[in-house]
Amino acid sequence: MRAALGLALAGIALAGSAVAEGRMSRTIGKALFERAWVPAPSSTRANDGLGPLFNARACISCHAGLERMPVATDASGKIVSDNLVLRFSDGAGRPDPVYGSQLQTAGVPGVAPEGRLAFDETGPIPLALAHGAPASGTRYGARLAPALRGLGRLEDVPDAVLTALADPADENGDGISGRVGLVRAPDGTQRVGRFGWKASAASLAGMVEAAFSTDLGLSTPGRPAPWGDCGERQPECRAAPHGGSWNEPEITGELVAMIRDYLAAVPPSARAAPADHARSESTFARIGCAACHVPALSSPRGTVEAYTDLLLHDMGEELDGGATEPGVEAREWRTAPLWGLSRILASGAGLLHDGRATTLDGAIRAHGGEGGHARARYLALDHDERERLFAFLSSL
């Protein structure tokens, strides 16, 4: 009896220890997410390694409140926002040899920024490029940082669930041919991508590492280049001081895991005040929106009501994003989750990958390609049906 009681108490202690460790990991992860990094070398080595080129000094700079950042427009409705970044790639998704995969608008002392983001009648453009024109064939496109709530629930969804939803050859003839975006894991296996506009990260940890490398110029085990996103033709950037090396990254795997634990614990945004939207949700399904914005996905921890299939879909010329990722066409996008849409609309943040749409109507009208049939059915709705549909979407 005493032995059994001792084992039981030991089990409780271990469980309590695990809970405490998890809480501590999330607390430290939140602090790291909010930390402002500084260039190397610094007197506080735990904080250094920023750059040499970067877009932000802290994760929270682009994800204040873990929400989607608002997009400013001028009197004519043209986007003029500092919350966008400009991506570079050729048609196959390879980064530009001069500027890498993203225009870096800030640099540490001694390293000039690559250029700045400007706006003309066509939208965001690169300006004042420090190293001349990009390589022939390089394309560019703007991106807006997404909201970061509920990501742990999306990570819960098994790969098999997403694979079962895919129909790359459109065998059922519904005009929807979503496909999984495959990402090579560190162990060499392929995982289904689910994070990022192009489904380019299969895990939260992978997403965190990509952001450290591209946005802050900090190396991680999965992205070990100590100079971050410096292009191969920027020797002054690659020779600048770094806080780590190929063998010792600036951000260790342990720190990546803590940030991952913090983000994974953040729940999805609560829906707006409940209302009877059964009829308008039926319209949402009837016109074809639910074919990609699948209302719920199954997971070991219960259903994930994110309104996405996390698959890649060809959205047509209307949503050609210019730059892309390897293996993904410029017109292909991962279906954006619609949970939290009410908060995005309330904040005035733009919709779509670059914030170009300021209304639900504008966002729906931009859907081409596989979204074209749903758009046509939407345009055929009468005024009252559209208003009910907007009320439903605004409740998510």
Protein backbone atom coordinates (compact mmCIF):
# COMPACT_ATOMS: atom_id res chain seq x y z
CA MET A 1 0.00 0.00 0.00
CA ARG A 2 2.78 2.44 0.96
CA ALA A 3 4.71 1.54 -2.19
CA ALA A 4 1.65 2.14 -4.35
CA LEU A 5 0.99 5.45 -2.62
CA GLY A 6 4.60 6.48 -3.11
CA LEU A 7 4.43 5.69 -6.82
CA ALA A 8 1.19 7.63 -7.14
CA LEU A 9 2.65 10.67 -5.40
CA ALA A 10 5.76 10.46 -7.57
CA GLY A 11 3.55 10.39 -10.66
CA ILE A 12 1.67 13.47 -9.48
CA ALA A 13 4.95 15.24 -8.79
CA LEU A 14 6.25 14.39 -12.26
CA ALA A 15 3.01 15.56 -13.86
CA GLY A 16 3.15 18.77 -11.85
CA SER A 17 6.76 19.25 -12.87
CA ALA A 18 5.84 18.80 -16.55
CA VAL A 19 3.02 21.34 -16.24
CA ALA A 20 5.36 23.82 -14.56
CA GLU A 21 8.02 23.28 -17.22
CA GLY A 22 5.46 23.81 -19.96
CA ARG A 23 4.25 27.03 -18.34
CA MET A 24 7.83 28.26 -17.96
CA SER A 25 8.61 27.42 -21.58
CA ARG A 26 5.62 29.44 -22.78
CA THR A 27 6.51 32.36 -20.52
CA ILE A 28 10.07 32.49 -21.83
CA GLY A 29 8.79 32.02 -25.37
CA LYS A 30 6.52 35.05 -25.00
CA ALA A 31 9.45 37.12 -23.72
CA LEU A 32 11.58 36.03 -26.68
CA PHE A 33 8.74 36.86 -29.07
CA GLU A 34 8.63 40.39 -27.65
CA ARG A 35 12.41 40.87 -27.29
CA ALA A 36 14.15 43.54 -29.35
CA TRP A 37 17.34 42.01 -30.79
CA VAL A 38 20.54 44.00 -31.26
CA PRO A 39 23.50 43.67 -33.64
CA ALA A 40 26.52 41.55 -32.71
CA PRO A 41 28.80 41.88 -30.91
CA SER A 42 27.05 43.32 -27.88
CA SER A 43 27.66 43.26 -24.13
CA THR A 44 24.57 41.07 -23.75
CA ARG A 45 25.30 38.12 -25.98
CA ALA A 46 21.87 36.57 -25.38
CA ASN A 47 20.28 39.50 -27.21
CA ASP A 48 22.64 39.92 -30.14
CA GLY A 49 22.86 38.67 -33.71
CA LEU A 50 20.34 40.95 -35.40
CA GLY A 51 20.90 41.29 -39.14
CA PRO A 52 23.19 42.23 -40.82
CA LEU A 53 20.06 43.02 -42.86
CA PHE A 54 16.58 42.91 -41.40
CA ASN A 55 13.00 44.16 -41.59
CA ALA A 56 12.20 44.25 -37.88
CA ARG A 57 13.97 44.09 -34.52
CA ALA A 58 11.36 41.93 -32.80
CA CYS A 59 8.72 39.37 -33.76
CA ILE A 60 6.05 41.52 -32.14
CA SER A 61 6.93 44.41 -34.47
CA CYS A 62 5.01 42.68 -37.28
CA HIS A 63 2.52 40.84 -35.06
CA ALA A 64 1.36 43.33 -32.44
CA GLY A 65 -1.20 41.63 -30.24
CA LEU A 66 -0.72 38.53 -32.44
CA GLU A 67 -3.16 40.16 -34.82
CA ARG A 68 -3.00 40.98 -38.50
CA MET A 69 -1.48 44.44 -38.87
CA PRO A 70 -3.60 47.20 -40.40
CA VAL A 71 -2.88 48.46 -43.91
CA ALA A 72 -2.97 52.20 -44.48
CA THR A 73 -4.42 53.67 -47.67
CA ASP A 74 -4.37 57.17 -49.13
CA ALA A 75 -7.38 59.25 -50.19
CA SER A 76 -7.63 57.35 -53.48
CA GLY A 77 -7.65 53.94 -51.75
CA LYS A 78 -4.08 53.08 -52.77
CA ILE A 79 -2.09 51.08 -50.20
CA VAL A 80 0.67 53.10 -48.54
CA SER A 81 1.57 50.88 -45.58
CA ASP A 82 4.77 50.21 -43.66
CA ASN A 83 3.38 46.88 -42.49
CA LEU A 84 4.11 45.10 -45.77
CA VAL A 85 7.27 43.31 -46.88
CA LEU A 86 8.34 42.74 -50.47
CA ARG A 87 9.29 39.23 -51.55
CA PHE A 88 11.62 38.35 -54.46
CA SER A 89 11.87 35.17 -56.53
CA ASP A 90 12.09 33.90 -60.08
CA GLY A 91 9.24 31.96 -61.63
CA ALA A 92 10.40 28.74 -59.94
CA GLY A 93 10.52 30.30 -56.49
CA ARG A 94 14.30 30.64 -56.30
CA PRO A 95 15.50 33.74 -54.41
CA ASP A 96 17.17 36.60 -56.24
CA PRO A 97 20.98 36.16 -56.21
CA VAL A 98 21.44 39.81 -55.23
CA TYR A 99 18.63 40.53 -52.80
CA GLY A 100 17.66 37.08 -51.57
CA SER A 101 14.03 36.21 -50.95
CA GLN A 102 12.95 39.48 -49.32
CA LEU A 103 13.77 43.17 -49.58
CA GLN A 104 15.55 44.13 -46.35
CA THR A 105 14.78 47.74 -45.50
CA ALA A 106 17.15 48.10 -42.53
CA GLY A 107 20.77 47.21 -41.78
CA VAL A 108 23.19 47.15 -38.87
CA PRO A 109 25.91 49.87 -38.73
CA GLY A 110 28.18 49.50 -41.73
CA VAL A 111 25.68 47.58 -43.85
CA ALA A 112 23.36 49.63 -46.04
CA PRO A 113 19.70 48.57 -46.35
CA GLU A 114 18.88 46.87 -49.64
CA GLY A 115 16.31 49.51 -50.51
CA ARG A 116 12.90 50.67 -49.48
CA LEU A 117 9.30 49.80 -50.16
CA ALA A 118 7.45 52.42 -52.19
CA PHE A 119 4.07 52.60 -53.89
CA ASP A 120 2.91 53.62 -57.34
CA GLU A 121 -0.30 53.17 -59.30
CA THR A 122 0.39 49.42 -59.62
CA GLY A 123 0.91 48.91 -55.89
CA PRO A 124 4.02 48.19 -53.77
CA ILE A 125 7.36 48.39 -55.61
CA PRO A 126 11.07 48.29 -54.65
CA LEU A 127 12.85 51.63 -54.75
CA ALA A 128 16.39 52.97 -54.21
CA LEU A 129 17.91 49.50 -54.54
CA ALA A 130 21.46 49.57 -53.16
CA HIS A 131 22.92 46.97 -55.54
CA GLY A 132 21.23 47.83 -58.79
CA ALA A 133 18.45 45.96 -60.49
CA PRO A 134 17.55 42.41 -59.43
CA ALA A 135 18.55 39.55 -61.70
CA SER A 136 16.73 39.10 -64.98
CA GLY A 137 13.56 37.13 -64.39
CA THR A 138 13.16 38.13 -60.74
CA ARG A 139 9.62 38.99 -59.76
CA TYR A 140 8.37 40.74 -56.63
CA GLY A 141 5.19 40.81 -54.59
CA ALA A 142 3.99 42.26 -51.30
CA ARG A 143 3.01 40.26 -48.23
CA LEU A 144 1.19 41.22 -45.05
CA ALA A 145 2.01 39.39 -41.82
CA PRO A 146 -0.90 37.13 -40.82
CA ALA A 147 -2.57 36.83 -37.42
CA LEU A 148 -0.97 34.23 -35.14
CA ARG A 149 -3.91 32.99 -33.09
CA GLY A 150 -4.93 29.33 -33.11
CA LEU A 151 -1.80 28.04 -34.86
CA GLY A 152 -1.37 25.21 -32.37
CA ARG A 153 -4.77 23.86 -33.37
CA LEU A 154 -3.80 23.93 -37.05
CA GLU A 155 -0.62 22.04 -36.19
CA ASP A 156 -2.78 19.38 -34.52
CA VAL A 157 -4.46 18.41 -37.80
CA PRO A 158 -2.85 15.19 -39.09
CA ASP A 159 -1.24 15.22 -42.52
CA ALA A 160 -3.58 12.41 -43.57
CA VAL A 161 -6.65 14.62 -43.03
CA LEU A 162 -5.28 17.26 -45.40
CA THR A 163 -4.11 14.69 -47.95
CA ALA A 164 -7.61 13.20 -48.01
CA LEU A 165 -9.07 16.60 -48.90
CA ALA A 166 -6.69 17.14 -51.81
CA ASP A 167 -7.95 16.62 -55.35
CA PRO A 168 -5.10 17.81 -57.58
CA ALA A 169 -6.59 16.34 -60.75
CA ASP A 170 -10.13 17.54 -59.93
CA GLU A 171 -11.42 14.00 -60.20
CA ASN A 172 -14.83 14.99 -58.82
CA GLY A 173 -15.23 17.67 -61.49
CA ASP A 174 -16.19 20.51 -59.15
CA GLY A 175 -13.56 22.90 -60.51
CA ILE A 176 -11.55 22.71 -57.27
CA SER A 177 -8.16 21.01 -57.50
CA GLY A 178 -6.48 21.78 -54.19
CA ARG A 179 -3.18 20.07 -53.49
CA VAL A 180 -0.94 19.64 -50.48
CA GLY A 181 2.26 21.64 -50.30
CA LEU A 182 5.05 19.23 -49.38
CA VAL A 183 7.90 20.44 -47.17
CA ARG A 184 11.08 18.50 -46.44
CA ALA A 185 11.53 17.99 -42.70
CA PRO A 186 14.97 18.07 -40.98
CA ASP A 187 15.00 14.25 -40.91
CA GLY A 188 14.59 14.12 -44.69
CA THR A 189 10.94 13.07 -44.69
CA GLN A 190 8.25 15.10 -46.40
CA ARG A 191 5.50 16.76 -44.38
CA VAL A 192 2.39 18.59 -45.48
CA GLY A 193 2.92 22.34 -45.36
CA ARG A 194 0.24 24.30 -43.52
CA PHE A 195 1.74 27.62 -42.38
CA GLY A 196 2.55 30.69 -44.43
CA TRP A 197 0.82 32.17 -47.46
CA LYS A 198 2.34 29.43 -49.63
CA ALA A 199 2.08 26.55 -47.11
CA SER A 200 5.89 26.63 -46.96
CA ALA A 201 6.21 25.49 -43.33
CA ALA A 202 4.95 22.15 -42.05
CA SER A 203 5.38 22.99 -38.37
CA LEU A 204 5.22 25.97 -36.08
CA ALA A 205 8.93 25.57 -35.37
CA GLY A 206 9.65 25.76 -39.10
CA MET A 207 7.57 28.90 -39.39
CA VAL A 208 9.44 30.50 -36.48
CA GLU A 209 12.82 29.64 -38.01
CA ALA A 210 11.86 31.09 -41.39
CA ALA A 211 10.78 34.36 -39.75
CA PHE A 212 14.01 34.64 -37.76
CA SER A 213 16.11 34.16 -40.89
CA THR A 214 14.18 36.34 -43.31
CA ASP A 215 12.75 39.10 -41.13
CA LEU A 216 15.40 39.48 -38.42
CA GLY A 217 18.56 37.99 -39.95
CA LEU A 218 19.04 35.55 -37.05
CA SER A 219 20.24 31.98 -37.63
CA THR A 220 18.58 28.84 -36.24
CA PRO A 221 19.35 25.11 -36.52
CA GLY A 222 17.02 24.79 -39.50
CA ARG A 223 18.23 28.03 -41.12
CA PRO A 224 21.94 28.10 -40.15
CA ALA A 225 23.23 30.83 -42.51
CA PRO A 226 24.63 33.40 -40.05
CA TRP A 227 23.90 36.29 -42.43
CA GLY A 228 20.21 35.55 -42.76
CA ASP A 229 18.71 36.47 -46.14
CA CYS A 230 21.74 38.27 -47.64
CA GLY A 231 22.00 37.43 -51.33
CA GLU A 232 25.08 35.60 -52.57
CA ARG A 233 26.25 38.79 -54.32
CA GLN A 234 26.38 40.87 -51.13
CA PRO A 235 29.88 40.16 -49.74
CA GLU A 236 29.83 43.11 -47.30
CA CYS A 237 26.72 41.70 -45.65
CA ARG A 238 28.08 38.17 -45.46
CA ALA A 239 31.35 39.45 -43.96
CA ALA A 240 29.66 41.57 -41.28
CA PRO A 241 29.85 40.50 -37.59
CA HIS A 242 27.43 37.75 -36.61
CA GLY A 243 26.28 36.44 -33.25
CA GLY A 244 26.69 32.80 -34.24
CA SER A 245 28.30 30.46 -36.76
CA TRP A 246 27.40 27.49 -38.93
CA ASN A 247 28.05 25.26 -35.91
CA GLU A 248 26.42 27.50 -33.32
CA PRO A 249 23.28 29.37 -34.42
CA GLU A 250 22.26 32.64 -32.86
CA ILE A 251 18.86 31.20 -31.91
CA THR A 252 19.22 27.70 -30.48
CA GLY A 253 16.75 24.91 -31.01
CA GLU A 254 15.70 25.29 -27.37
CA LEU A 255 14.76 28.93 -27.90
CA VAL A 256 12.86 28.08 -31.09
CA ALA A 257 10.92 25.42 -29.13
CA MET A 258 9.98 27.93 -26.43
CA ILE A 259 8.57 30.40 -28.95
CA ARG A 260 6.78 27.54 -30.64
CA ASP A 261 5.26 26.48 -27.29
CA TYR A 262 4.09 30.03 -26.63
CA LEU A 263 2.41 30.39 -30.02
CA ALA A 264 0.91 26.89 -29.89
CA ALA A 265 -0.85 27.73 -26.62
CA VAL A 266 -2.57 30.85 -27.98
CA PRO A 267 -6.22 29.90 -28.66
CA PRO A 268 -8.12 30.95 -31.77
CA SER A 269 -9.98 34.23 -31.66
CA ALA A 270 -13.44 33.91 -30.17
CA ARG A 271 -16.28 34.37 -32.60
CA ALA A 272 -18.27 37.58 -32.48
CA ALA A 273 -21.56 37.73 -30.61
CA PRO A 274 -23.50 34.55 -31.47
CA ALA A 275 -26.36 34.91 -33.88
CA ASP A 276 -28.54 32.69 -36.02
CA HIS A 277 -26.51 32.44 -39.20
CA ALA A 278 -27.71 28.99 -40.29
CA ARG A 279 -29.32 30.32 -43.46
CA SER A 280 -26.35 32.47 -44.49
CA GLU A 281 -23.88 29.70 -43.68
CA SER A 282 -25.91 27.50 -45.98
CA THR A 283 -25.45 30.15 -48.68
CA PHE A 284 -21.71 30.14 -47.95
CA ALA A 285 -21.68 26.41 -48.72
CA ARG A 286 -24.13 26.57 -51.63
CA ILE A 287 -22.14 29.08 -53.66
CA GLY A 288 -18.97 27.03 -53.20
CA CYS A 289 -16.97 28.89 -50.55
CA ALA A 290 -16.90 25.87 -48.24
CA ALA A 291 -15.19 23.75 -50.90
CA CYS A 292 -11.89 25.42 -49.92
CA HIS A 293 -12.82 27.19 -46.69
CA VAL A 294 -13.80 23.86 -45.10
CA PRO A 295 -15.67 24.72 -41.87
CA ALA A 296 -13.97 22.13 -39.66
CA LEU A 297 -11.00 19.76 -39.73
CA SER A 298 -10.59 16.77 -37.44
CA SER A 299 -7.70 16.41 -35.03
CA PRO A 300 -6.83 14.25 -32.00
CA ARG A 301 -7.88 17.17 -29.77
CA GLY A 302 -11.27 17.65 -31.43
CA THR A 303 -12.54 19.56 -34.43
CA VAL A 304 -10.68 22.64 -35.64
CA GLU A 305 -13.26 25.15 -36.88
CA ALA A 306 -10.86 27.29 -38.90
CA TYR A 307 -12.70 27.43 -42.25
CA THR A 308 -9.76 26.25 -44.33
CA ASP A 309 -8.47 23.09 -45.98
CA LEU A 310 -4.84 24.33 -45.67
CA LEU A 311 -4.32 23.27 -49.30
CA LEU A 312 -2.80 25.17 -52.21
CA HIS A 313 -5.23 26.46 -54.83
CA ASP A 314 -4.70 28.26 -58.14
CA MET A 315 -6.52 31.57 -57.71
CA GLY A 316 -5.98 32.86 -61.24
CA GLU A 317 -4.32 35.91 -62.72
CA GLU A 318 -6.31 38.16 -60.41
CA LEU A 319 -4.25 36.91 -57.46
CA ASP A 320 -0.87 36.36 -59.09
CA GLY A 321 1.46 37.23 -56.24
CA GLY A 322 4.57 37.91 -58.31
CA ALA A 323 7.17 36.24 -56.09
CA THR A 324 6.58 32.72 -54.85
CA GLU A 325 8.19 29.73 -53.09
CA PRO A 326 9.90 26.68 -54.61
CA GLY A 327 7.37 24.23 -55.98
CA VAL A 328 4.47 26.68 -55.74
CA GLU A 329 3.08 28.74 -58.61
CA ALA A 330 2.77 32.50 -58.14
CA ARG A 331 -1.02 32.13 -58.54
CA GLU A 332 -1.27 29.41 -55.90
CA TRP A 333 -2.16 30.23 -52.28
CA ARG A 334 -2.85 28.23 -49.18
CA THR A 335 -6.50 28.69 -48.21
CA ALA A 336 -6.51 31.37 -45.55
CA PRO A 337 -8.34 30.38 -42.33
CA LEU A 338 -11.40 32.53 -41.76
CA TRP A 339 -11.54 32.26 -37.98
CA GLY A 340 -10.72 35.66 -36.54
CA LEU A 341 -12.20 37.42 -39.58
CA SER A 342 -14.40 39.55 -37.34
CA ARG A 343 -11.30 40.96 -35.61
CA ILE A 344 -9.59 41.69 -38.93
CA LEU A 345 -12.62 43.56 -40.21
CA ALA A 346 -13.01 45.50 -36.96
CA SER A 347 -9.34 46.54 -36.97
CA GLY A 348 -9.36 47.84 -40.53
CA ALA A 349 -6.61 45.45 -41.59
CA GLY A 350 -6.74 44.62 -45.27
CA LEU A 351 -7.80 41.25 -46.63
CA LEU A 352 -5.92 38.84 -48.93
CA HIS A 353 -2.15 38.28 -48.92
CA ASP A 354 -1.23 41.92 -49.43
CA GLY A 355 -4.14 43.72 -47.79
CA ARG A 356 -5.42 44.99 -51.14
CA ALA A 357 -9.08 44.29 -50.35
CA THR A 358 -10.67 46.59 -47.79
CA THR A 359 -14.10 44.90 -47.87
CA LEU A 360 -15.48 41.38 -48.01
CA ASP A 361 -17.01 42.20 -51.38
CA GLY A 362 -13.61 43.27 -52.73
CA ALA A 363 -11.92 40.14 -51.43
CA ILE A 364 -14.51 37.82 -52.99
CA ARG A 365 -14.40 39.64 -56.32
CA ALA A 366 -10.61 39.13 -56.44
CA HIS A 367 -11.04 35.34 -56.42
CA GLY A 368 -10.28 33.85 -59.82
CA GLY A 369 -9.03 30.46 -60.94
CA GLU A 370 -10.47 27.79 -58.68
CA GLY A 371 -12.40 30.50 -56.86
CA GLY A 372 -14.02 31.74 -60.05
CA HIS A 373 -17.14 29.58 -59.83
CA ALA A 374 -17.84 30.67 -56.25
CA ARG A 375 -17.31 34.29 -57.27
CA ALA A 376 -19.80 33.95 -60.13
CA ARG A 377 -22.41 32.45 -57.80
CA TYR A 378 -21.75 35.22 -55.28
CA LEU A 379 -22.31 37.87 -57.93
CA ALA A 380 -25.63 36.23 -58.76
CA LEU A 381 -26.94 36.63 -55.18
CA ASP A 382 -29.49 39.33 -54.53
CA HIS A 383 -28.74 42.19 -52.13
CA ASP A 384 -30.35 40.59 -49.07
CA GLU A 385 -28.52 37.29 -49.59
CA ARG A 386 -25.21 39.09 -49.84
CA GLU A 387 -25.90 41.06 -46.67
CA ARG A 388 -26.72 37.85 -44.79
CA LEU A 389 -23.52 36.28 -46.12
CA PHE A 390 -21.50 39.30 -44.94
CA ALA A 391 -23.15 39.06 -41.49
CA PHE A 392 -22.12 35.42 -41.22
CA LEU A 393 -18.54 36.06 -42.33
CA SER A 394 -18.30 39.01 -39.95
CA SER A 395 -19.23 36.71 -37.07
CA LEU A 396 -16.28 34.36 -37.54
